[in-house]
Amino acid sequence: MTLSQVLYWYHRKKDFKYSCTESIRKRVLFVLYSSGDDMIRRKCDNCGHFLPVNKKCSCRPDKFRHEFFYDTYEWKKARELCRKKCLGLDLYSYFVLNKIEYGRIVHHIVPLEKDYSLRTDQSNLIYLTDSNHMKIHELYMHDFENTVKILRGCIEKF
């Protein structure tokens, strides 16, 4: 949408303001520049800088980056490869609990929040059941380093 289209639309709605307008639905601030750049800009919720509507701000915290990763083709491919590598078995159950169970969840041994660069590294992925996945997250709270060693040991043995 060009600047002239936005001006026409707001003029017809009788909500026209010369400097800026606020979209209640998306909580986005559109700034209409008269400098001739015909660019609609929005205000970043995090830092307050103005940038083009179709661009993401570089200030976005890294802690949210992992939320978007799980929807990517890169993750789906790594998850499927891990499942095939483990033959569908929960390796934690097999080596630590001495049970044969089929897994359902691909788990990052070192969480993405701690090291995002290991997101598709197969040595950082392990296939688990739901119950073991919850157990491991509880173990992380008590002894993170030892739990990582146990999980890496399961992968090396397999």
Protein backbone atom coordinates (compact mmCIF):
# COMPACT_ATOMS: atom_id res chain seq x y z
CA MET A 1 0.00 0.00 0.00
CA THR A 2 1.48 3.32 -1.03
CA LEU A 3 1.33 6.57 0.88
CA SER A 4 -1.29 8.01 -1.46
CA GLN A 5 -3.53 4.95 -0.99
CA VAL A 6 -3.27 5.24 2.80
CA LEU A 7 -4.05 8.94 2.69
CA TYR A 8 -7.09 8.31 0.50
CA TRP A 9 -8.33 5.50 2.76
CA TYR A 10 -7.98 7.55 5.94
CA HIS A 11 -9.54 10.58 4.30
CA ARG A 12 -12.60 8.49 3.38
CA LYS A 13 -12.83 7.12 6.95
CA LYS A 14 -12.55 10.67 8.33
CA ASP A 15 -9.80 9.52 10.71
CA PHE A 16 -7.16 11.40 8.80
CA LYS A 17 -4.29 12.93 10.78
CA TYR A 18 -1.33 14.65 9.22
CA SER A 19 1.51 13.16 11.27
CA CYS A 20 0.47 9.63 12.25
CA THR A 21 -2.41 7.23 12.72
CA GLU A 22 -2.73 4.29 15.11
CA SER A 23 -4.21 0.95 14.17
CA ILE A 24 -6.08 -0.33 17.19
CA ARG A 25 -6.38 -3.85 15.82
CA LYS A 26 -2.66 -4.49 15.43
CA ARG A 27 -1.38 -1.83 17.83
CA VAL A 28 0.93 -0.59 15.08
CA LEU A 29 1.82 3.03 14.56
CA PHE A 30 1.92 4.06 10.91
CA VAL A 31 3.92 7.14 10.19
CA LEU A 32 3.17 9.00 7.00
CA TYR A 33 6.25 10.82 5.87
CA SER A 34 5.98 13.86 3.64
CA SER A 35 9.61 13.45 2.59
CA GLY A 36 8.47 11.66 -0.56
CA ASP A 37 9.66 8.14 0.29
CA ASP A 38 6.10 6.69 -0.05
CA MET A 39 6.99 4.21 2.70
CA ILE A 40 4.62 3.19 5.48
CA ARG A 41 6.50 2.59 8.69
CA ARG A 42 5.63 1.03 12.01
CA LYS A 43 6.97 1.52 15.48
CA CYS A 44 8.81 -1.43 17.05
CA ASP A 45 7.08 -2.49 20.28
CA ASN A 46 10.41 -3.39 21.85
CA CYS A 47 12.76 -0.47 21.12
CA GLY A 48 10.52 2.25 19.61
CA HIS A 49 12.42 2.65 16.33
CA PHE A 50 10.48 3.21 13.11
CA LEU A 51 11.00 0.69 10.32
CA PRO A 52 9.18 -0.48 7.17
CA VAL A 53 6.04 -2.52 7.87
CA ASN A 54 7.38 -5.65 6.15
CA LYS A 55 10.73 -5.65 8.03
CA LYS A 56 11.57 -7.19 11.40
CA CYS A 57 13.45 -5.09 13.91
CA SER A 58 16.97 -6.22 14.78
CA CYS A 59 16.40 -5.50 18.47
CA ARG A 60 14.17 -8.56 18.91
CA PRO A 61 15.52 -10.52 21.87
CA ASP A 62 17.19 -13.85 21.13
CA LYS A 63 15.10 -15.59 23.76
CA PHE A 64 12.08 -15.50 21.38
CA ARG A 65 14.03 -16.76 18.38
CA HIS A 66 13.50 -20.43 19.30
CA GLU A 67 9.71 -20.09 19.23
CA PHE A 68 9.77 -19.47 15.48
CA PHE A 69 12.33 -22.20 14.80
CA TYR A 70 9.92 -25.07 15.50
CA ASP A 71 7.77 -24.08 12.50
CA THR A 72 10.62 -24.16 9.98
CA TYR A 73 11.41 -26.79 7.37
CA GLU A 74 14.91 -27.00 8.85
CA TRP A 75 13.51 -28.24 12.19
CA LYS A 76 11.04 -30.67 10.61
CA LYS A 77 13.83 -32.23 8.58
CA ALA A 78 16.17 -32.52 11.62
CA ARG A 79 13.34 -33.97 13.74
CA GLU A 80 12.57 -36.65 11.15
CA LEU A 81 16.26 -37.54 10.79
CA CYS A 82 16.57 -37.92 14.58
CA ARG A 83 13.49 -40.16 14.68
CA LYS A 84 14.94 -42.40 11.97
CA LYS A 85 18.37 -42.44 13.62
CA CYS A 86 16.87 -43.63 16.92
CA LEU A 87 14.61 -46.16 15.14
CA GLY A 88 11.66 -44.67 16.98
CA LEU A 89 12.99 -45.81 20.36
CA ASP A 90 13.27 -43.71 23.50
CA LEU A 91 17.02 -43.93 24.12
CA TYR A 92 16.74 -42.71 27.72
CA SER A 93 14.34 -45.56 28.55
CA TYR A 94 16.51 -48.09 26.75
CA PHE A 95 19.87 -47.23 28.33
CA VAL A 96 18.99 -45.69 31.71
CA LEU A 97 15.70 -47.34 32.68
CA ASN A 98 16.35 -50.64 30.82
CA LYS A 99 12.95 -50.55 29.09
CA ILE A 100 12.00 -50.61 25.45
CA GLU A 101 9.56 -47.79 24.71
CA TYR A 102 8.71 -45.92 21.57
CA GLY A 103 9.33 -42.19 21.68
CA ARG A 104 7.18 -39.32 20.53
CA ILE A 105 9.18 -36.12 21.13
CA VAL A 106 12.52 -34.96 19.77
CA HIS A 107 14.30 -33.17 22.61
CA HIS A 108 17.25 -30.75 22.49
CA ILE A 109 19.84 -31.92 25.01
CA VAL A 110 21.27 -28.42 25.30
CA PRO A 111 18.21 -26.14 25.08
CA LEU A 112 17.97 -23.55 22.32
CA GLU A 113 17.96 -20.77 24.92
CA LYS A 114 21.45 -21.81 26.02
CA ASP A 115 23.02 -22.51 22.60
CA TYR A 116 21.00 -21.72 19.48
CA SER A 117 23.79 -22.90 17.15
CA LEU A 118 23.11 -26.56 18.12
CA ARG A 119 19.48 -26.39 16.95
CA THR A 120 19.83 -29.04 14.20
CA ASP A 121 22.97 -30.83 15.39
CA GLN A 122 22.05 -34.52 15.55
CA SER A 123 24.37 -35.06 18.52
CA ASN A 124 22.17 -32.57 20.44
CA LEU A 125 18.85 -34.30 19.62
CA ILE A 126 17.36 -37.31 21.39
CA TYR A 127 14.05 -39.10 20.89
CA LEU A 128 11.92 -39.47 24.06
CA THR A 129 8.51 -40.45 25.39
CA ASP A 130 6.31 -37.73 26.90
CA SER A 131 6.92 -38.94 30.45
CA ASN A 132 10.71 -39.11 30.04
CA HIS A 133 10.70 -35.68 28.43
CA MET A 134 9.06 -34.26 31.55
CA LYS A 135 11.50 -36.18 33.81
CA ILE A 136 14.47 -34.74 31.96
CA HIS A 137 13.19 -31.19 32.32
CA GLU A 138 12.84 -31.80 36.06
CA LEU A 139 16.38 -33.21 36.18
CA TYR A 140 17.65 -30.09 34.39
CA MET A 141 16.47 -27.98 37.32
CA HIS A 142 18.41 -30.08 39.83
CA ASP A 143 21.60 -30.98 37.95
CA PHE A 144 21.86 -29.66 34.41
CA GLU A 145 25.44 -30.73 33.62
CA ASN A 146 25.02 -34.32 34.80
CA THR A 147 21.75 -34.71 32.90
CA VAL A 148 23.42 -33.50 29.70
CA LYS A 149 26.23 -36.06 30.22
CA ILE A 150 23.69 -38.89 30.71
CA LEU A 151 21.78 -37.96 27.55
CA ARG A 152 24.92 -37.60 25.46
CA GLY A 153 26.06 -40.98 26.76
CA CYS A 154 22.79 -42.54 25.56
CA ILE A 155 23.38 -41.17 22.06
CA GLU A 156 27.03 -42.35 21.99
CA LYS A 157 26.06 -45.88 23.11
CA PHE A 158 23.44 -46.14 20.41
